[in-house]
């Protein structure tokens, strides 16, 4: 085996080990969620969907799912426009580094500290914990990531297109809507999807500002603390893993199609 072939073998072995390290822990919840769990009338090793069906008999969980879907949708709608404005400010204003540092600052604050500070802030304002407080905290958490995605996409945009639009009499808003927006919309859509993923999987900050409103993740955490792991909890975890991986696949597809469109343009 030559040096080049040996190097490729080592690289593939490293990639395989990394993938196993990342994704093997996701397999046990799926396996346990499909097991009989010792239920009467189920033979050992049999596959059952009983625990998945039982999930929807729990009103607390159903309410948490509804809350997570609503909050996730709101975060996906609110965060990208804010991130777009911040990214445009980096390009247009004189202090780009200051803007970047300000937007990215929440990434460096521990989740517990951010959650407690947010809860205290809402209390001082007299704001009752609700889905609104959860949405606000999730937007603050997702904004830096959405900002980075849109900023990276805008960096690939050639400003000469805008200059050409200005020479043809277009104003700044018209030039942005007609010229730039079609070329960066995949980045905005990607930021929205990533924001939904972050919202759907956020626990620590949510638990500190949710009040009586559960989300899926806080339901999982509180149930684990009270009764530990169970087949129904494994089933719920498996569903959330599948939903998250599905959203990641959509995110990658959007990015790939955006790259193709950019090359075509």
Foldseek 3Di string as FASTA:
>chain_A
DDPVVVVVVVVVVVVVVVCCVPPVVLPVLVLLLQAPQPDPPDDGPHGDNVLVVCQVVDPLLVLQAVLLVVLLQLLLVPQLVVLVVLLVCLVPPDCNVVSLCVLCVVVPDDLLVLLQVLLVVCVVVVHAQASVSLSVSLSSVLNNVLNVLLNVQVVLDDCVQLVVVVVVPDDPVRSCVPPVCVLRVLSSNLSSLSSSLSSLQDANSCVSRHVPRHHNNVVLVVCCVPPNDDSSSSSSSSVNVVVSVVSVVVSVVSVVVSVVVNVVD
